[in-house]
Amino acid sequence: MSGLDQTGVAGRLKPTGAASVPPRPDVPEGYSEVLAPGQNGVLFLHLQFEGEAPKKLVHEISVRADGAPPQMRETTERIAEVEVNDAVVPVLGPPLIGEDYIAADACCDAVRHTRAILPLDGTPVVAQRYAVDWEQAGPDGKIFVGDAKDPASYRIYGDDVLAVADGTVVASRNDLPEQVPGEFPANLPIADADGNNLVVDIGDGFFVNYAHMQPGSVRFKPGDRVRRGDVIGKVGNTGNSVAPHLHVHVMNGPSFLMSQGVPSVTDLFMITGRVDDTEAFDASESTGVPLEMAPGVTVSTPQDRMILDQNVVTFRAG
């Protein structure tokens, strides 16, 4: 495996507070390859292995500190040995039924979810590490047609949300109003961030969070049992949402904020295309232009696989 060069580090190092150097056009906002004196940051990495993964990982870091004494300006250390988690991940059913659903901001390198680290009660939490924001395109490739401020203009609005596994409801919310699409709501309390939502304990330490559903549409309350395929609500635009969509993620606890996100796979789906990139998705969502699609994507029907960022998929019943 090769290390990250300066540009690679710049696109993955998130300093605390403001970045310590002026932004570069090729680097996500808020990222930098330089830390100011006393500043720390988080370096987001993904590792790929051929064959069996190792049992442990060790981080080797080379640092140059220009302000240090000459003999201490360059150093290399091996730190943070961690064991690789080889636990079995949950196998889920579809959260929706239909065609042309877009897995926006999904695994494995979407900045908005994968890197959404929050310091809560003194602990860094990435509850949304493997989250998906599901939206939908029409036959014309557009996410919405008509008034961009009307939630009903969006193709996915009002679609049935399905339970992805059997389980017991541990939390729900059903009273929050729809937001006006186009911008995130101001001064929203953190407890309202997921809008009308449902958290379901599916066993083995796994919990599924469904967020942003229509007011009055959530059909279950804490203590209720749900079965895979049950309609649990309808897609809406409540909470911290800029456009109607269904947010789904799996976590290791019942709190949608204070739990760590964990991976999952979907048992059966059809990949029919892929949006070219996040910028193309954002353009369609915000302006109504047709999605720009990546060329050369072969239609496939994976089984027990993770649905990746910007995949366009079809979910069938059964």
C-alpha atoms as a PDB file:
ATOM      1  CA  MET A   1       0.000   0.000   0.000  1.00  0.00           C
ATOM      2  CA  SER A   2       1.200   3.508  -0.756  1.00  0.00           C
ATOM      3  CA  GLY A   3       0.992   6.527   1.486  1.00  0.00           C
ATOM      4  CA  LEU A   4      -0.863   9.775   0.920  1.00  0.00           C
ATOM      5  CA  ASP A   5       0.918  12.623  -0.817  1.00  0.00           C
ATOM      6  CA  GLN A   6       0.356  16.268   0.109  1.00  0.00           C
ATOM      7  CA  THR A   7      -2.775  16.566  -2.011  1.00  0.00           C
ATOM      8  CA  GLY A   8      -4.149  13.308  -0.628  1.00  0.00           C
ATOM      9  CA  VAL A   9      -3.655  14.480   2.936  1.00  0.00           C
ATOM     10  CA  ALA A  10      -5.179  17.872   2.165  1.00  0.00           C
ATOM     11  CA  GLY A  11      -8.388  16.262   0.973  1.00  0.00           C
ATOM     12  CA  ARG A  12      -8.721  14.040   4.046  1.00  0.00           C
ATOM     13  CA  LEU A  13      -7.385  16.016   7.021  1.00  0.00           C
ATOM     14  CA  LYS A  14     -10.135  17.927   8.848  1.00  0.00           C
ATOM     15  CA  PRO A  15      -8.580  20.368  11.362  1.00  0.00           C
ATOM     16  CA  THR A  16     -10.559  21.367  14.411  1.00  0.00           C
ATOM     17  CA  GLY A  17     -12.060  24.791  13.891  1.00  0.00           C
ATOM     18  CA  ALA A  18     -11.001  26.683  10.780  1.00  0.00           C
ATOM     19  CA  ALA A  19      -8.356  25.278   8.453  1.00  0.00           C
ATOM     20  CA  SER A  20      -4.940  26.760   9.134  1.00  0.00           C
ATOM     21  CA  VAL A  21      -4.168  27.733   5.518  1.00  0.00           C
ATOM     22  CA  PRO A  22      -6.240  29.393   2.766  1.00  0.00           C
ATOM     23  CA  PRO A  23      -8.581  26.960   0.982  1.00  0.00           C
ATOM     24  CA  ARG A  24      -7.476  25.265  -2.235  1.00  0.00           C
ATOM     25  CA  PRO A  25      -9.904  24.788  -5.127  1.00  0.00           C
ATOM     26  CA  ASP A  26      -9.161  21.054  -5.313  1.00  0.00           C
ATOM     27  CA  VAL A  27      -9.768  20.397  -1.577  1.00  0.00           C
ATOM     28  CA  PRO A  28     -13.129  20.090   0.235  1.00  0.00           C
ATOM     29  CA  GLU A  29     -14.110  23.116   2.277  1.00  0.00           C
ATOM     30  CA  GLY A  30     -12.609  23.022   5.770  1.00  0.00           C
ATOM     31  CA  TYR A  31      -9.822  20.564   4.891  1.00  0.00           C
ATOM     32  CA  SER A  32      -6.083  21.216   4.836  1.00  0.00           C
ATOM     33  CA  GLU A  33      -2.709  19.455   4.915  1.00  0.00           C
ATOM     34  CA  VAL A  34      -1.378  21.900   7.531  1.00  0.00           C
ATOM     35  CA  LEU A  35      -2.142  22.127  11.257  1.00  0.00           C
ATOM     36  CA  ALA A  36      -1.434  25.321  13.178  1.00  0.00           C
ATOM     37  CA  PRO A  37       0.574  25.123  16.438  1.00  0.00           C
ATOM     38  CA  GLY A  38      -1.592  23.472  19.083  1.00  0.00           C
ATOM     39  CA  GLN A  39      -4.247  22.496  16.558  1.00  0.00           C
ATOM     40  CA  ASN A  40      -5.398  18.914  15.985  1.00  0.00           C
ATOM     41  CA  GLY A  41      -7.501  17.250  13.354  1.00  0.00           C
ATOM     42  CA  VAL A  42      -8.972  14.020  12.021  1.00  0.00           C
ATOM     43  CA  LEU A  43      -7.490  12.195   9.015  1.00  0.00           C
ATOM     44  CA  PHE A  44     -10.158  10.103   7.257  1.00  0.00           C
ATOM     45  CA  LEU A  45      -8.794   6.955   5.595  1.00  0.00           C
ATOM     46  CA  HIS A  46     -10.151   3.939   3.734  1.00  0.00           C
ATOM     47  CA  LEU A  47      -8.001   0.849   3.265  1.00  0.00           C
ATOM     48  CA  GLN A  48      -8.395  -1.783   0.570  1.00  0.00           C
ATOM     49  CA  PHE A  49      -6.848  -5.244   0.766  1.00  0.00           C
ATOM     50  CA  GLU A  50      -6.577  -8.076  -1.693  1.00  0.00           C
ATOM     51  CA  GLY A  51      -7.588 -11.334  -0.070  1.00  0.00           C
ATOM     52  CA  GLU A  52      -8.021 -11.679   3.680  1.00  0.00           C
ATOM     53  CA  ALA A  53      -7.817  -8.535   5.787  1.00  0.00           C
ATOM     54  CA  PRO A  54      -5.164  -8.331   8.535  1.00  0.00           C
ATOM     55  CA  LYS A  55      -6.043  -8.895  12.170  1.00  0.00           C
ATOM     56  CA  LYS A  56      -4.514  -5.607  13.317  1.00  0.00           C
ATOM     57  CA  LEU A  57      -3.613  -2.221  11.860  1.00  0.00           C
ATOM     58  CA  VAL A  58      -0.829   0.144  12.919  1.00  0.00           C
ATOM     59  CA  HIS A  59      -0.654   3.778  11.860  1.00  0.00           C
ATOM     60  CA  GLU A  60       2.726   5.094  10.725  1.00  0.00           C
ATOM     61  CA  ILE A  61       2.870   8.877  10.614  1.00  0.00           C
ATOM     62  CA  SER A  62       5.678  11.090   9.369  1.00  0.00           C
ATOM     63  CA  VAL A  63       5.457  14.668  10.603  1.00  0.00           C
ATOM     64  CA  ARG A  64       7.396  17.819   9.750  1.00  0.00           C
ATOM     65  CA  ALA A  65       7.186  20.596  12.353  1.00  0.00           C
ATOM     66  CA  ASP A  66       8.838  23.700  10.910  1.00  0.00           C
ATOM     67  CA  GLY A  67       8.690  25.526  14.241  1.00  0.00           C
ATOM     68  CA  ALA A  68      10.524  22.812  16.183  1.00  0.00           C
ATOM     69  CA  PRO A  69      14.293  22.697  16.875  1.00  0.00           C
ATOM     70  CA  PRO A  70      16.253  21.436  13.815  1.00  0.00           C
ATOM     71  CA  GLN A  71      16.881  17.956  15.213  1.00  0.00           C
ATOM     72  CA  MET A  72      13.142  17.510  15.921  1.00  0.00           C
ATOM     73  CA  ARG A  73      11.578  18.911  12.757  1.00  0.00           C
ATOM     74  CA  GLU A  74      11.055  15.555  11.080  1.00  0.00           C
ATOM     75  CA  THR A  75       9.901  12.440  12.886  1.00  0.00           C
ATOM     76  CA  THR A  76       8.180   9.158  12.085  1.00  0.00           C
ATOM     77  CA  GLU A  77       6.182   7.217  14.639  1.00  0.00           C
ATOM     78  CA  ARG A  78       4.047   4.094  14.702  1.00  0.00           C
ATOM     79  CA  ILE A  79       0.975   4.600  16.850  1.00  0.00           C
ATOM     80  CA  ALA A  80      -2.648   3.603  17.492  1.00  0.00           C
ATOM     81  CA  GLU A  81      -2.608  -0.160  16.991  1.00  0.00           C
ATOM     82  CA  VAL A  82      -6.186  -1.330  16.491  1.00  0.00           C
ATOM     83  CA  GLU A  83      -7.796  -4.721  15.996  1.00  0.00           C
ATOM     84  CA  VAL A  84      -9.803  -5.212  12.808  1.00  0.00           C
ATOM     85  CA  ASN A  85     -13.463  -5.887  13.564  1.00  0.00           C
ATOM     86  CA  ASP A  86     -14.556  -9.038  11.730  1.00  0.00           C
ATOM     87  CA  ALA A  87     -18.114  -9.121  13.110  1.00  0.00           C
ATOM     88  CA  VAL A  88     -20.947 -10.201  10.810  1.00  0.00           C
ATOM     89  CA  VAL A  89     -22.899  -7.226   9.454  1.00  0.00           C
ATOM     90  CA  PRO A  90     -26.714  -7.144   9.261  1.00  0.00           C
ATOM     91  CA  VAL A  91     -28.406  -8.162   5.999  1.00  0.00           C
ATOM     92  CA  LEU A  92     -31.311  -5.829   5.242  1.00  0.00           C
ATOM     93  CA  GLY A  93     -34.263  -5.652   2.899  1.00  0.00           C
ATOM     94  CA  PRO A  94     -35.189  -2.608   0.773  1.00  0.00           C
ATOM     95  CA  PRO A  95     -36.296   0.622   2.492  1.00  0.00           C
ATOM     96  CA  LEU A  96     -38.390   1.587  -0.553  1.00  0.00           C
ATOM     97  CA  ILE A  97     -39.987  -0.094  -3.563  1.00  0.00           C
ATOM     98  CA  GLY A  98     -39.576   1.332  -7.041  1.00  0.00           C
ATOM     99  CA  GLU A  99     -37.115   2.497  -9.681  1.00  0.00           C
ATOM    100  CA  ASP A 100     -34.408   5.132 -10.014  1.00  0.00           C
ATOM    101  CA  TYR A 101     -33.615   5.607  -6.332  1.00  0.00           C
ATOM    102  CA  ILE A 102     -30.316   7.427  -5.796  1.00  0.00           C
ATOM    103  CA  ALA A 103     -28.010   6.495  -2.893  1.00  0.00           C
ATOM    104  CA  ALA A 104     -26.807  10.023  -2.140  1.00  0.00           C
ATOM    105  CA  ASP A 105     -23.965  10.702   0.291  1.00  0.00           C
ATOM    106  CA  ALA A 106     -23.468   6.964   0.863  1.00  0.00           C
ATOM    107  CA  CYS A 107     -20.389   4.889   1.621  1.00  0.00           C
ATOM    108  CA  CYS A 108     -17.578   5.157   1.394  1.00  0.00           C
ATOM    109  CA  ASP A 109     -16.191   8.633   0.974  1.00  0.00           C
ATOM    110  CA  ALA A 110     -19.114  11.055   0.975  1.00  0.00           C
ATOM    111  CA  VAL A 111     -18.067  13.983   3.148  1.00  0.00           C
ATOM    112  CA  ARG A 112     -21.513  14.775   4.562  1.00  0.00           C
ATOM    113  CA  HIS A 113     -22.107  11.390   6.203  1.00  0.00           C
ATOM    114  CA  THR A 114     -18.902   9.378   6.267  1.00  0.00           C
ATOM    115  CA  ARG A 115     -16.962  12.221   7.882  1.00  0.00           C
ATOM    116  CA  ALA A 116     -19.756  13.705  10.017  1.00  0.00           C
ATOM    117  CA  ILE A 117     -17.849  13.379  13.280  1.00  0.00           C
ATOM    118  CA  LEU A 118     -19.450  15.008  16.337  1.00  0.00           C
ATOM    119  CA  PRO A 119     -17.851  15.506  19.762  1.00  0.00           C
ATOM    120  CA  LEU A 120     -20.653  14.526  22.153  1.00  0.00           C
ATOM    121  CA  ASP A 121     -20.149  14.150  25.909  1.00  0.00           C
ATOM    122  CA  GLY A 122     -16.395  14.110  25.333  1.00  0.00           C
ATOM    123  CA  THR A 123     -16.513  11.255  22.805  1.00  0.00           C
ATOM    124  CA  PRO A 124     -16.113  11.505  19.023  1.00  0.00           C
ATOM    125  CA  VAL A 125     -19.181   9.963  17.378  1.00  0.00           C
ATOM    126  CA  VAL A 126     -19.806   9.198  13.695  1.00  0.00           C
ATOM    127  CA  ALA A 127     -23.377   7.914  13.837  1.00  0.00           C
ATOM    128  CA  GLN A 128     -23.907   8.532  10.113  1.00  0.00           C
ATOM    129  CA  ARG A 129     -20.685   6.870   8.902  1.00  0.00           C
ATOM    130  CA  TYR A 130     -22.628   4.424   6.666  1.00  0.00           C
ATOM    131  CA  ALA A 131     -25.824   6.443   6.159  1.00  0.00           C
ATOM    132  CA  VAL A 132     -27.688   6.850   2.868  1.00  0.00           C
ATOM    133  CA  ASP A 133     -29.908   9.735   1.792  1.00  0.00           C
ATOM    134  CA  TRP A 134     -32.361   8.196  -0.654  1.00  0.00           C
ATOM    135  CA  GLU A 135     -33.789  10.409  -3.387  1.00  0.00           C
ATOM    136  CA  GLN A 136     -35.446   9.484  -6.666  1.00  0.00           C
ATOM    137  CA  ALA A 137     -35.319  10.588 -10.284  1.00  0.00           C
ATOM    138  CA  GLY A 138     -38.133  10.511 -12.812  1.00  0.00           C
ATOM    139  CA  PRO A 139     -37.936   9.130 -16.361  1.00  0.00           C
ATOM    140  CA  ASP A 140     -36.603  12.529 -17.419  1.00  0.00           C
ATOM    141  CA  GLY A 141     -33.678  12.235 -14.991  1.00  0.00           C
ATOM    142  CA  LYS A 142     -34.981  15.043 -12.784  1.00  0.00           C
ATOM    143  CA  ILE A 143     -35.297  14.875  -9.002  1.00  0.00           C
ATOM    144  CA  PHE A 144     -38.130  17.410  -8.980  1.00  0.00           C
ATOM    145  CA  VAL A 145     -40.414  19.101 -11.491  1.00  0.00           C
ATOM    146  CA  GLY A 146     -42.299  22.311 -10.747  1.00  0.00           C
ATOM    147  CA  ASP A 147     -42.042  24.573  -7.704  1.00  0.00           C
ATOM    148  CA  ALA A 148     -38.732  23.852  -5.946  1.00  0.00           C
ATOM    149  CA  LYS A 149     -40.198  25.173  -2.681  1.00  0.00           C
ATOM    150  CA  ASP A 150     -43.054  22.653  -2.680  1.00  0.00           C
ATOM    151  CA  PRO A 151     -42.113  19.258  -1.180  1.00  0.00           C
ATOM    152  CA  ALA A 152     -44.719  17.586  -3.407  1.00  0.00           C
ATOM    153  CA  SER A 153     -42.686  18.581  -6.493  1.00  0.00           C
ATOM    154  CA  TYR A 154     -40.035  15.995  -5.602  1.00  0.00           C
ATOM    155  CA  ARG A 155     -40.321  12.537  -7.109  1.00  0.00           C
ATOM    156  CA  ILE A 156     -39.702  10.674  -3.850  1.00  0.00           C
ATOM    157  CA  TYR A 157     -42.092  12.718  -1.716  1.00  0.00           C
ATOM    158  CA  GLY A 158     -44.802  10.589  -0.137  1.00  0.00           C
ATOM    159  CA  ASP A 159     -43.285   7.221  -1.073  1.00  0.00           C
ATOM    160  CA  ASP A 160     -43.877   4.435   1.452  1.00  0.00           C
ATOM    161  CA  VAL A 161     -40.961   3.791   3.811  1.00  0.00           C
ATOM    162  CA  LEU A 162     -40.479   0.094   4.544  1.00  0.00           C
ATOM    163  CA  ALA A 163     -38.977  -1.687   7.525  1.00  0.00           C
ATOM    164  CA  VAL A 164     -35.712  -3.273   6.387  1.00  0.00           C
ATOM    165  CA  ALA A 165     -35.784  -5.973   9.078  1.00  0.00           C
ATOM    166  CA  ASP A 166     -37.902  -7.380  11.881  1.00  0.00           C
ATOM    167  CA  GLY A 167     -37.490  -5.553  15.156  1.00  0.00           C
ATOM    168  CA  THR A 168     -38.858  -3.560  18.071  1.00  0.00           C
ATOM    169  CA  VAL A 169     -39.360   0.193  17.964  1.00  0.00           C
ATOM    170  CA  VAL A 170     -37.307   1.993  20.624  1.00  0.00           C
ATOM    171  CA  ALA A 171     -37.922   5.630  19.618  1.00  0.00           C
ATOM    172  CA  SER A 172     -40.209   7.577  17.300  1.00  0.00           C
ATOM    173  CA  ARG A 173     -41.209  11.122  16.407  1.00  0.00           C
ATOM    174  CA  ASN A 174     -44.296  12.144  14.446  1.00  0.00           C
ATOM    175  CA  ASP A 175     -45.119  15.786  15.219  1.00  0.00           C
ATOM    176  CA  LEU A 176     -42.610  17.941  13.350  1.00  0.00           C
ATOM    177  CA  PRO A 177     -43.749  20.066  10.366  1.00  0.00           C
ATOM    178  CA  GLU A 178     -42.452  19.919   6.808  1.00  0.00           C
ATOM    179  CA  GLN A 179     -39.566  22.249   6.023  1.00  0.00           C
ATOM    180  CA  VAL A 180     -39.457  24.406   2.916  1.00  0.00           C
ATOM    181  CA  PRO A 181     -37.018  22.800   0.440  1.00  0.00           C
ATOM    182  CA  GLY A 182     -34.005  24.706  -0.799  1.00  0.00           C
ATOM    183  CA  GLU A 183     -32.121  25.469   2.404  1.00  0.00           C
ATOM    184  CA  PHE A 184     -31.507  23.932   5.781  1.00  0.00           C
ATOM    185  CA  PRO A 185     -33.701  25.330   8.581  1.00  0.00           C
ATOM    186  CA  ALA A 186     -32.086  27.878  10.875  1.00  0.00           C
ATOM    187  CA  ASN A 187     -31.703  27.397  14.632  1.00  0.00           C
ATOM    188  CA  LEU A 188     -33.087  23.871  14.599  1.00  0.00           C
ATOM    189  CA  PRO A 189     -32.692  22.116  17.982  1.00  0.00           C
ATOM    190  CA  ILE A 190     -30.356  19.132  17.725  1.00  0.00           C
ATOM    191  CA  ALA A 191     -33.113  16.852  19.055  1.00  0.00           C
ATOM    192  CA  ASP A 192     -35.187  17.743  15.964  1.00  0.00           C
ATOM    193  CA  ALA A 193     -32.398  17.103  13.448  1.00  0.00           C
ATOM    194  CA  ASP A 194     -33.815  13.788  12.198  1.00  0.00           C
ATOM    195  CA  GLY A 195     -37.328  15.157  11.883  1.00  0.00           C
ATOM    196  CA  ASN A 196     -40.072  12.587  12.207  1.00  0.00           C
ATOM    197  CA  ASN A 197     -38.124   9.404  12.668  1.00  0.00           C
ATOM    198  CA  LEU A 198     -38.197   5.840  13.855  1.00  0.00           C
ATOM    199  CA  VAL A 199     -35.443   3.823  15.555  1.00  0.00           C
ATOM    200  CA  VAL A 200     -35.839   0.035  15.459  1.00  0.00           C
ATOM    201  CA  ASP A 201     -33.852  -2.521  17.430  1.00  0.00           C
ATOM    202  CA  ILE A 202     -33.234  -5.359  14.937  1.00  0.00           C
ATOM    203  CA  GLY A 203     -31.232  -7.524  17.353  1.00  0.00           C
ATOM    204  CA  ASP A 204     -27.577  -8.508  17.794  1.00  0.00           C
ATOM    205  CA  GLY A 205     -26.763  -4.982  18.950  1.00  0.00           C
ATOM    206  CA  PHE A 206     -27.939  -3.314  15.723  1.00  0.00           C
ATOM    207  CA  PHE A 207     -30.426  -0.439  15.440  1.00  0.00           C
ATOM    208  CA  VAL A 208     -31.865   1.157  12.276  1.00  0.00           C
ATOM    209  CA  ASN A 209     -32.738   4.843  12.104  1.00  0.00           C
ATOM    210  CA  TYR A 210     -35.206   6.199   9.518  1.00  0.00           C
ATOM    211  CA  ALA A 211     -35.413   9.991   9.339  1.00  0.00           C
ATOM    212  CA  HIS A 212     -37.254  13.006   7.813  1.00  0.00           C
ATOM    213  CA  MET A 213     -40.664  11.355   7.337  1.00  0.00           C
ATOM    214  CA  GLN A 214     -43.921  13.250   6.782  1.00  0.00           C
ATOM    215  CA  PRO A 215     -45.749  14.593   9.856  1.00  0.00           C
ATOM    216  CA  GLY A 216     -48.443  12.193  10.998  1.00  0.00           C
ATOM    217  CA  SER A 217     -47.199   9.365   8.760  1.00  0.00           C
ATOM    218  CA  VAL A 218     -45.091   7.403  11.272  1.00  0.00           C
ATOM    219  CA  ARG A 219     -47.192   4.345  12.093  1.00  0.00           C
ATOM    220  CA  PHE A 220     -45.371   2.863  15.083  1.00  0.00           C
ATOM    221  CA  LYS A 221     -44.391   3.906  18.597  1.00  0.00           C
ATOM    222  CA  PRO A 222     -41.875   2.595  21.157  1.00  0.00           C
ATOM    223  CA  GLY A 223     -42.582  -0.996  22.129  1.00  0.00           C
ATOM    224  CA  ASP A 224     -44.308  -1.904  18.861  1.00  0.00           C
ATOM    225  CA  ARG A 225     -43.041  -4.827  16.796  1.00  0.00           C
ATOM    226  CA  VAL A 226     -42.391  -4.307  13.086  1.00  0.00           C
ATOM    227  CA  ARG A 227     -41.806  -6.871  10.374  1.00  0.00           C
ATOM    228  CA  ARG A 228     -39.602  -6.571   7.349  1.00  0.00           C
ATOM    229  CA  GLY A 229     -41.630  -4.922   4.576  1.00  0.00           C
ATOM    230  CA  ASP A 230     -44.080  -3.160   6.891  1.00  0.00           C
ATOM    231  CA  VAL A 231     -44.916   0.391   5.841  1.00  0.00           C
ATOM    232  CA  ILE A 232     -43.591   2.486   8.721  1.00  0.00           C
ATOM    233  CA  GLY A 233     -44.144   5.998   7.315  1.00  0.00           C
ATOM    234  CA  LYS A 234     -43.906   8.206   4.243  1.00  0.00           C
ATOM    235  CA  VAL A 235     -40.955  10.137   2.807  1.00  0.00           C
ATOM    236  CA  GLY A 236     -41.050  13.780   3.836  1.00  0.00           C
ATOM    237  CA  ASN A 237     -38.889  16.829   4.436  1.00  0.00           C
ATOM    238  CA  THR A 238     -38.876  17.272   8.209  1.00  0.00           C
ATOM    239  CA  GLY A 239     -35.970  18.128  10.476  1.00  0.00           C
ATOM    240  CA  ASN A 240     -32.550  19.118   9.154  1.00  0.00           C
ATOM    241  CA  SER A 241     -33.436  18.517   5.525  1.00  0.00           C
ATOM    242  CA  VAL A 242     -32.832  20.569   2.380  1.00  0.00           C
ATOM    243  CA  ALA A 243     -35.071  18.460   0.113  1.00  0.00           C
ATOM    244  CA  PRO A 244     -37.476  15.544   0.569  1.00  0.00           C
ATOM    245  CA  HIS A 245     -35.536  12.321   1.098  1.00  0.00           C
ATOM    246  CA  LEU A 246     -35.296   9.232   3.265  1.00  0.00           C
ATOM    247  CA  HIS A 247     -32.252   9.042   5.522  1.00  0.00           C
ATOM    248  CA  VAL A 248     -31.381   5.518   6.734  1.00  0.00           C
ATOM    249  CA  HIS A 249     -28.452   4.334   8.811  1.00  0.00           C
ATOM    250  CA  VAL A 250     -27.532   1.402  11.040  1.00  0.00           C
ATOM    251  CA  MET A 251     -25.873   2.026  14.397  1.00  0.00           C
ATOM    252  CA  ASN A 252     -24.721   0.208  17.517  1.00  0.00           C
ATOM    253  CA  GLY A 253     -27.124   1.884  19.957  1.00  0.00           C
ATOM    254  CA  PRO A 254     -30.617   3.381  20.208  1.00  0.00           C
ATOM    255  CA  SER A 255     -29.616   7.072  20.030  1.00  0.00           C
ATOM    256  CA  PHE A 256     -29.435   8.535  16.525  1.00  0.00           C
ATOM    257  CA  LEU A 257     -26.770  10.957  17.763  1.00  0.00           C
ATOM    258  CA  MET A 258     -24.824   9.108  20.477  1.00  0.00           C
ATOM    259  CA  SER A 259     -24.303   5.777  18.670  1.00  0.00           C
ATOM    260  CA  GLN A 260     -21.559   4.758  16.267  1.00  0.00           C
ATOM    261  CA  GLY A 261     -22.535   3.971  12.699  1.00  0.00           C
ATOM    262  CA  VAL A 262     -21.954   0.403  11.507  1.00  0.00           C
ATOM    263  CA  PRO A 263     -21.981  -1.111   8.001  1.00  0.00           C
ATOM    264  CA  SER A 264     -24.782  -3.223   6.562  1.00  0.00           C
ATOM    265  CA  VAL A 265     -25.616  -4.941   3.277  1.00  0.00           C
ATOM    266  CA  THR A 266     -28.826  -5.195   1.251  1.00  0.00           C
ATOM    267  CA  ASP A 267     -29.861  -8.674   0.202  1.00  0.00           C
ATOM    268  CA  LEU A 268     -31.120  -7.918  -3.318  1.00  0.00           C
ATOM    269  CA  PHE A 269     -31.260  -4.841  -5.552  1.00  0.00           C
ATOM    270  CA  MET A 270     -30.565  -3.844  -9.128  1.00  0.00           C
ATOM    271  CA  ILE A 271     -27.959  -1.234 -10.073  1.00  0.00           C
ATOM    272  CA  THR A 272     -29.149   0.561 -13.196  1.00  0.00           C
ATOM    273  CA  GLY A 273     -26.672   3.435 -13.276  1.00  0.00           C
ATOM    274  CA  ARG A 274     -24.585   5.854 -11.265  1.00  0.00           C
ATOM    275  CA  VAL A 275     -24.712   9.624 -10.953  1.00  0.00           C
ATOM    276  CA  ASP A 276     -21.448  11.117 -12.182  1.00  0.00           C
ATOM    277  CA  ASP A 277     -20.514  12.673  -8.835  1.00  0.00           C
ATOM    278  CA  THR A 278     -21.842  14.575  -5.828  1.00  0.00           C
ATOM    279  CA  GLU A 279     -21.673  17.882  -7.703  1.00  0.00           C
ATOM    280  CA  ALA A 280     -23.943  16.497 -10.425  1.00  0.00           C
ATOM    281  CA  PHE A 281     -26.389  15.252  -7.794  1.00  0.00           C
ATOM    282  CA  ASP A 282     -26.380  18.606  -5.984  1.00  0.00           C
ATOM    283  CA  ALA A 283     -27.036  20.457  -9.240  1.00  0.00           C
ATOM    284  CA  SER A 284     -30.085  18.323  -9.989  1.00  0.00           C
ATOM    285  CA  GLU A 285     -31.435  18.544  -6.454  1.00  0.00           C
ATOM    286  CA  SER A 286     -31.045  22.323  -6.234  1.00  0.00           C
ATOM    287  CA  THR A 287     -31.933  23.483  -9.764  1.00  0.00           C
ATOM    288  CA  GLY A 288     -34.011  20.703 -11.308  1.00  0.00           C
ATOM    289  CA  VAL A 289     -31.658  19.894 -14.172  1.00  0.00           C
ATOM    290  CA  PRO A 290     -31.492  16.238 -15.232  1.00  0.00           C
ATOM    291  CA  LEU A 291     -28.900  14.114 -13.465  1.00  0.00           C
ATOM    292  CA  GLU A 292     -25.562  13.793 -15.212  1.00  0.00           C
ATOM    293  CA  MET A 293     -24.851  10.073 -15.306  1.00  0.00           C
ATOM    294  CA  ALA A 294     -21.512   8.264 -15.287  1.00  0.00           C
ATOM    295  CA  PRO A 295     -20.798   6.385 -18.539  1.00  0.00           C
ATOM    296  CA  GLY A 296     -20.188   2.661 -18.857  1.00  0.00           C
ATOM    297  CA  VAL A 297     -22.146   1.418 -15.840  1.00  0.00           C
ATOM    298  CA  THR A 298     -23.375  -2.142 -16.400  1.00  0.00           C
ATOM    299  CA  VAL A 299     -26.765  -3.182 -15.073  1.00  0.00           C
ATOM    300  CA  SER A 300     -26.232  -5.727 -12.296  1.00  0.00           C
ATOM    301  CA  THR A 301     -28.113  -7.448  -9.466  1.00  0.00           C
ATOM    302  CA  PRO A 302     -25.729  -7.766  -6.502  1.00  0.00           C
ATOM    303  CA  GLN A 303     -26.707  -9.859  -3.509  1.00  0.00           C
ATOM    304  CA  ASP A 304     -25.751  -9.141   0.100  1.00  0.00           C
ATOM    305  CA  ARG A 305     -23.693  -6.112  -0.864  1.00  0.00           C
ATOM    306  CA  MET A 306     -23.369  -2.537   0.322  1.00  0.00           C
ATOM    307  CA  ILE A 307     -25.033   0.079  -1.882  1.00  0.00           C
ATOM    308  CA  LEU A 308     -22.384   2.670  -2.662  1.00  0.00           C
ATOM    309  CA  ASP A 309     -22.452   6.418  -3.138  1.00  0.00           C
ATOM    310  CA  GLN A 310     -24.431   7.719  -6.138  1.00  0.00           C
ATOM    311  CA  ASN A 311     -25.584   4.250  -7.247  1.00  0.00           C
ATOM    312  CA  VAL A 312     -28.992   4.379  -8.947  1.00  0.00           C
ATOM    313  CA  VAL A 313     -30.992   1.312  -7.954  1.00  0.00           C
ATOM    314  CA  THR A 314     -34.300  -0.470  -8.355  1.00  0.00           C
ATOM    315  CA  PHE A 315     -35.945  -2.216  -5.404  1.00  0.00           C
ATOM    316  CA  ARG A 316     -38.517  -4.920  -6.076  1.00  0.00           C
ATOM    317  CA  ALA A 317     -41.108  -6.278  -3.681  1.00  0.00           C
ATOM    318  CA  GLY A 318     -40.684  -9.759  -2.258  1.00  0.00           C
END
